Amino acid sequence: MTDTDETTMIRIHAVVTGMVQGVGFRYSAVEQARRLGVGGWVRNRLDGSVEVEAQGSAAALAQFISWLKVGPRWSQVEHVAVTGIPVEPERGAFGVRADR
């Protein structure tokens, strides 16, 4: 890891599939993101997946994406699709958004 990884801000959109609703995934994602200093949001989708937008340092997001691939204890993550998206100037604390 270089200094650039620790200071470069990036933003990602992710869709997590598997048994990821009703198992504390959103709550655990909020805890993990806040612990890592990542901003953004998480929400359930009508198709049973969980959607995430997250922004932070490259190093923090790498750790967060690794966590998304495992999830909390009771989840069973099948796949995580991650796409880079433009960084937003203001990033608030990570939180839960209304389901979609």
N, C-alpha and C. Protein backbone atom coordinates (compact mmCIF):
# COMPACT_ATOMS: atom_id res chain seq x y z
N MET A 1 0.85 -1.18 0.00
CA MET A 1 0.00 0.00 0.00
C MET A 1 0.89 1.23 0.00
N THR A 2 0.53 2.19 -0.83
CA THR A 2 1.30 3.42 -0.92
C THR A 2 0.56 4.55 -0.22
N ASP A 3 1.26 5.68 -0.07
CA ASP A 3 0.60 6.85 0.51
C ASP A 3 -0.61 7.26 -0.33
N THR A 4 -0.51 7.09 -1.66
CA THR A 4 -1.61 7.44 -2.53
C THR A 4 -2.85 6.64 -2.18
N ASP A 5 -2.70 5.35 -1.87
CA ASP A 5 -3.84 4.51 -1.50
C ASP A 5 -4.53 5.03 -0.25
N GLU A 6 -3.76 5.64 0.64
CA GLU A 6 -4.33 6.11 1.90
C GLU A 6 -5.01 7.47 1.77
N THR A 7 -4.68 8.25 0.72
CA THR A 7 -5.23 9.60 0.61
C THR A 7 -6.15 9.80 -0.59
N THR A 8 -6.05 8.98 -1.62
CA THR A 8 -6.88 9.12 -2.81
C THR A 8 -8.31 8.72 -2.48
N MET A 9 -9.23 9.64 -2.74
CA MET A 9 -10.65 9.36 -2.51
C MET A 9 -11.24 8.68 -3.73
N ILE A 10 -12.01 7.62 -3.49
CA ILE A 10 -12.74 6.95 -4.55
C ILE A 10 -14.17 6.69 -4.07
N ARG A 11 -15.05 6.42 -5.02
CA ARG A 11 -16.45 6.13 -4.69
C ARG A 11 -16.87 4.91 -5.50
N ILE A 12 -17.62 4.04 -4.88
CA ILE A 12 -18.07 2.83 -5.55
C ILE A 12 -19.58 2.63 -5.36
N HIS A 13 -20.15 1.92 -6.31
CA HIS A 13 -21.52 1.44 -6.20
C HIS A 13 -21.40 -0.07 -6.20
N ALA A 14 -22.08 -0.74 -5.28
CA ALA A 14 -22.01 -2.20 -5.19
C ALA A 14 -23.39 -2.78 -5.01
N VAL A 15 -23.59 -3.95 -5.59
CA VAL A 15 -24.82 -4.72 -5.39
C VAL A 15 -24.39 -6.08 -4.85
N VAL A 16 -24.91 -6.41 -3.68
CA VAL A 16 -24.55 -7.64 -2.99
C VAL A 16 -25.74 -8.59 -3.08
N THR A 17 -25.49 -9.81 -3.59
CA THR A 17 -26.56 -10.78 -3.73
C THR A 17 -26.28 -12.00 -2.85
N GLY A 18 -27.34 -12.75 -2.60
CA GLY A 18 -27.27 -13.92 -1.73
C GLY A 18 -28.31 -13.77 -0.64
N MET A 19 -28.08 -14.40 0.50
CA MET A 19 -28.97 -14.24 1.64
C MET A 19 -28.44 -13.04 2.44
N VAL A 20 -28.89 -11.85 2.02
CA VAL A 20 -28.34 -10.61 2.59
C VAL A 20 -29.41 -9.69 3.16
N GLN A 21 -30.66 -10.11 3.15
CA GLN A 21 -31.72 -9.34 3.80
C GLN A 21 -32.26 -10.14 4.97
N GLY A 22 -32.59 -9.43 6.05
CA GLY A 22 -33.13 -10.10 7.23
C GLY A 22 -32.06 -10.75 8.09
N VAL A 23 -30.80 -10.41 7.86
CA VAL A 23 -29.70 -11.02 8.61
C VAL A 23 -28.78 -9.96 9.24
N GLY A 24 -29.24 -8.70 9.28
CA GLY A 24 -28.44 -7.63 9.88
C GLY A 24 -27.36 -7.08 8.96
N PHE A 25 -27.49 -7.31 7.66
CA PHE A 25 -26.45 -6.87 6.73
C PHE A 25 -26.30 -5.36 6.73
N ARG A 26 -27.42 -4.63 6.62
CA ARG A 26 -27.33 -3.15 6.56
C ARG A 26 -26.73 -2.59 7.85
N TYR A 27 -27.23 -3.06 8.98
CA TYR A 27 -26.73 -2.57 10.28
C TYR A 27 -25.22 -2.83 10.39
N SER A 28 -24.81 -4.03 10.02
CA SER A 28 -23.39 -4.39 10.12
C SER A 28 -22.55 -3.59 9.13
N ALA A 29 -23.12 -3.30 7.94
CA ALA A 29 -22.40 -2.50 6.94
C ALA A 29 -22.17 -1.09 7.47
N VAL A 30 -23.17 -0.54 8.13
CA VAL A 30 -23.02 0.80 8.72
C VAL A 30 -21.90 0.80 9.75
N GLU A 31 -21.90 -0.18 10.64
CA GLU A 31 -20.85 -0.26 11.66
C GLU A 31 -19.47 -0.38 11.03
N GLN A 32 -19.34 -1.25 10.04
CA GLN A 32 -18.06 -1.48 9.39
C GLN A 32 -17.58 -0.22 8.66
N ALA A 33 -18.48 0.42 7.91
CA ALA A 33 -18.12 1.62 7.15
C ALA A 33 -17.68 2.74 8.09
N ARG A 34 -18.42 2.95 9.16
CA ARG A 34 -18.05 4.02 10.11
C ARG A 34 -16.73 3.72 10.78
N ARG A 35 -16.46 2.45 11.08
CA ARG A 35 -15.19 2.07 11.69
C ARG A 35 -14.02 2.38 10.75
N LEU A 36 -14.26 2.23 9.45
CA LEU A 36 -13.21 2.46 8.46
C LEU A 36 -13.14 3.91 7.98
N GLY A 37 -14.10 4.75 8.40
CA GLY A 37 -14.12 6.14 7.95
C GLY A 37 -14.67 6.30 6.54
N VAL A 38 -15.58 5.40 6.16
CA VAL A 38 -16.18 5.42 4.83
C VAL A 38 -17.54 6.10 4.91
N GLY A 39 -17.84 6.99 3.96
CA GLY A 39 -19.14 7.63 3.89
C GLY A 39 -20.01 6.96 2.86
N GLY A 40 -21.31 7.25 2.89
CA GLY A 40 -22.20 6.69 1.88
C GLY A 40 -23.46 6.13 2.47
N TRP A 41 -24.02 5.11 1.83
CA TRP A 41 -25.29 4.55 2.27
C TRP A 41 -25.44 3.10 1.84
N VAL A 42 -26.42 2.44 2.45
CA VAL A 42 -26.77 1.06 2.13
C VAL A 42 -28.30 0.94 2.18
N ARG A 43 -28.88 0.11 1.30
CA ARG A 43 -30.32 -0.12 1.34
C ARG A 43 -30.66 -1.47 0.73
N ASN A 44 -31.80 -2.00 1.16
CA ASN A 44 -32.34 -3.22 0.57
C ASN A 44 -32.99 -2.88 -0.76
N ARG A 45 -32.92 -3.82 -1.70
CA ARG A 45 -33.61 -3.67 -2.98
C ARG A 45 -34.74 -4.69 -3.05
N LEU A 46 -35.73 -4.39 -3.85
CA LEU A 46 -36.92 -5.26 -3.96
C LEU A 46 -36.56 -6.66 -4.44
N ASP A 47 -35.47 -6.82 -5.18
CA ASP A 47 -35.09 -8.14 -5.70
C ASP A 47 -34.37 -9.01 -4.68
N GLY A 48 -34.23 -8.53 -3.43
CA GLY A 48 -33.59 -9.31 -2.38
C GLY A 48 -32.11 -9.03 -2.21
N SER A 49 -31.56 -8.18 -3.06
CA SER A 49 -30.15 -7.81 -2.94
C SER A 49 -30.01 -6.59 -2.03
N VAL A 50 -28.77 -6.23 -1.75
CA VAL A 50 -28.47 -5.02 -0.99
C VAL A 50 -27.60 -4.13 -1.87
N GLU A 51 -27.94 -2.85 -1.89
CA GLU A 51 -27.23 -1.86 -2.71
C GLU A 51 -26.42 -0.95 -1.80
N VAL A 52 -25.21 -0.62 -2.23
CA VAL A 52 -24.30 0.19 -1.44
C VAL A 52 -23.66 1.25 -2.32
N GLU A 53 -23.55 2.47 -1.81
CA GLU A 53 -22.66 3.48 -2.37
C GLU A 53 -21.74 3.87 -1.24
N ALA A 54 -20.45 3.87 -1.52
CA ALA A 54 -19.47 4.17 -0.48
C ALA A 54 -18.34 5.00 -1.04
N GLN A 55 -17.85 5.92 -0.22
CA GLN A 55 -16.75 6.80 -0.61
C GLN A 55 -15.75 6.91 0.52
N GLY A 56 -14.49 6.82 0.16
CA GLY A 56 -13.42 6.94 1.14
C GLY A 56 -12.08 6.74 0.48
N SER A 57 -11.07 6.56 1.28
CA SER A 57 -9.74 6.32 0.73
C SER A 57 -9.72 4.97 0.03
N ALA A 58 -8.81 4.81 -0.91
CA ALA A 58 -8.69 3.54 -1.63
C ALA A 58 -8.45 2.40 -0.64
N ALA A 59 -7.62 2.64 0.36
CA ALA A 59 -7.31 1.60 1.34
C ALA A 59 -8.55 1.21 2.15
N ALA A 60 -9.32 2.22 2.60
CA ALA A 60 -10.52 1.94 3.40
C ALA A 60 -11.56 1.22 2.56
N LEU A 61 -11.72 1.63 1.30
CA LEU A 61 -12.72 0.98 0.45
C LEU A 61 -12.31 -0.44 0.10
N ALA A 62 -11.03 -0.69 -0.06
CA ALA A 62 -10.58 -2.06 -0.30
C ALA A 62 -10.98 -2.95 0.87
N GLN A 63 -10.80 -2.46 2.09
CA GLN A 63 -11.19 -3.23 3.28
C GLN A 63 -12.71 -3.40 3.34
N PHE A 64 -13.44 -2.34 2.99
CA PHE A 64 -14.90 -2.40 3.04
C PHE A 64 -15.43 -3.39 2.00
N ILE A 65 -14.88 -3.37 0.79
CA ILE A 65 -15.31 -4.31 -0.25
C ILE A 65 -15.01 -5.74 0.19
N SER A 66 -13.87 -5.95 0.80
CA SER A 66 -13.54 -7.29 1.32
C SER A 66 -14.58 -7.73 2.34
N TRP A 67 -15.01 -6.80 3.20
CA TRP A 67 -16.05 -7.12 4.19
C TRP A 67 -17.38 -7.45 3.48
N LEU A 68 -17.74 -6.65 2.45
CA LEU A 68 -18.99 -6.90 1.73
C LEU A 68 -19.03 -8.31 1.17
N LYS A 69 -17.90 -8.83 0.76
CA LYS A 69 -17.84 -10.18 0.17
C LYS A 69 -18.10 -11.28 1.19
N VAL A 70 -18.01 -10.94 2.47
CA VAL A 70 -18.26 -11.91 3.54
C VAL A 70 -19.56 -11.59 4.27
N GLY A 71 -19.75 -10.32 4.62
CA GLY A 71 -20.95 -9.88 5.32
C GLY A 71 -20.95 -10.30 6.78
N PRO A 72 -22.06 -10.04 7.47
CA PRO A 72 -22.17 -10.42 8.87
C PRO A 72 -22.37 -11.93 9.03
N ARG A 73 -22.33 -12.36 10.25
CA ARG A 73 -22.35 -13.78 10.60
C ARG A 73 -23.46 -14.59 9.93
N TRP A 74 -24.67 -14.08 9.90
CA TRP A 74 -25.81 -14.86 9.42
C TRP A 74 -26.06 -14.72 7.93
N SER A 75 -25.29 -13.90 7.24
CA SER A 75 -25.50 -13.73 5.80
C SER A 75 -24.78 -14.82 5.00
N GLN A 76 -25.18 -14.96 3.76
CA GLN A 76 -24.49 -15.84 2.82
C GLN A 76 -24.35 -15.07 1.51
N VAL A 77 -23.23 -14.39 1.36
CA VAL A 77 -22.98 -13.57 0.18
C VAL A 77 -22.62 -14.48 -0.99
N GLU A 78 -23.34 -14.30 -2.09
CA GLU A 78 -23.05 -15.07 -3.30
C GLU A 78 -22.18 -14.28 -4.27
N HIS A 79 -22.46 -12.98 -4.41
CA HIS A 79 -21.72 -12.17 -5.38
C HIS A 79 -21.76 -10.70 -4.97
N VAL A 80 -20.69 -9.99 -5.27
CA VAL A 80 -20.63 -8.54 -5.07
C VAL A 80 -20.17 -7.92 -6.38
N ALA A 81 -21.04 -7.14 -7.00
CA ALA A 81 -20.71 -6.42 -8.23
C ALA A 81 -20.34 -5.00 -7.86
N VAL A 82 -19.09 -4.61 -8.13
CA VAL A 82 -18.59 -3.29 -7.74
C VAL A 82 -18.26 -2.48 -8.99
N THR A 83 -18.74 -1.24 -9.01
CA THR A 83 -18.47 -0.32 -10.10
C THR A 83 -17.95 0.99 -9.53
N GLY A 84 -16.92 1.55 -10.12
CA GLY A 84 -16.44 2.87 -9.71
C GLY A 84 -17.38 3.94 -10.23
N ILE A 85 -17.66 4.94 -9.41
CA ILE A 85 -18.51 6.07 -9.81
C ILE A 85 -17.81 7.36 -9.38
N PRO A 86 -18.24 8.51 -9.93
CA PRO A 86 -17.57 9.78 -9.59
C PRO A 86 -17.65 10.12 -8.10
N VAL A 87 -16.56 10.65 -7.60
CA VAL A 87 -16.49 11.09 -6.20
C VAL A 87 -17.39 12.30 -6.01
N GLU A 88 -18.09 12.34 -4.88
CA GLU A 88 -18.93 13.49 -4.53
C GLU A 88 -18.14 14.39 -3.59
N PRO A 89 -18.27 15.72 -3.74
CA PRO A 89 -17.49 16.63 -2.89
C PRO A 89 -17.81 16.50 -1.40
N GLU A 90 -19.07 16.27 -1.08
CA GLU A 90 -19.47 16.12 0.32
C GLU A 90 -19.86 14.68 0.57
N ARG A 91 -19.26 14.06 1.56
CA ARG A 91 -19.66 12.70 1.92
C ARG A 91 -20.05 12.73 3.38
N GLY A 92 -21.28 12.39 3.63
CA GLY A 92 -21.77 12.35 5.00
C GLY A 92 -21.42 11.04 5.66
N ALA A 93 -21.85 10.90 6.89
CA ALA A 93 -21.64 9.64 7.62
C ALA A 93 -22.40 8.53 6.90
N PHE A 94 -21.91 7.32 6.98
CA PHE A 94 -22.54 6.18 6.35
C PHE A 94 -23.85 5.86 7.06
N GLY A 95 -24.91 5.60 6.30
CA GLY A 95 -26.20 5.31 6.92
C GLY A 95 -27.07 4.46 6.04
N VAL A 96 -28.27 4.15 6.53
CA VAL A 96 -29.25 3.33 5.82
C VAL A 96 -30.20 4.25 5.08
N ARG A 97 -30.47 3.93 3.83
CA ARG A 97 -31.46 4.64 3.02
C ARG A 97 -32.72 3.79 2.93
N ALA A 98 -33.81 4.41 2.55
CA ALA A 98 -35.08 3.69 2.38
C ALA A 98 -34.93 2.61 1.32
N ASP A 99 -35.60 1.51 1.53
CA ASP A 99 -35.55 0.38 0.59
C ASP A 99 -36.04 0.81 -0.79
N ARG A 100 -35.50 0.11 -1.78
CA ARG A 100 -35.93 0.38 -3.16
C ARG A 100 -36.11 -0.90 -3.90
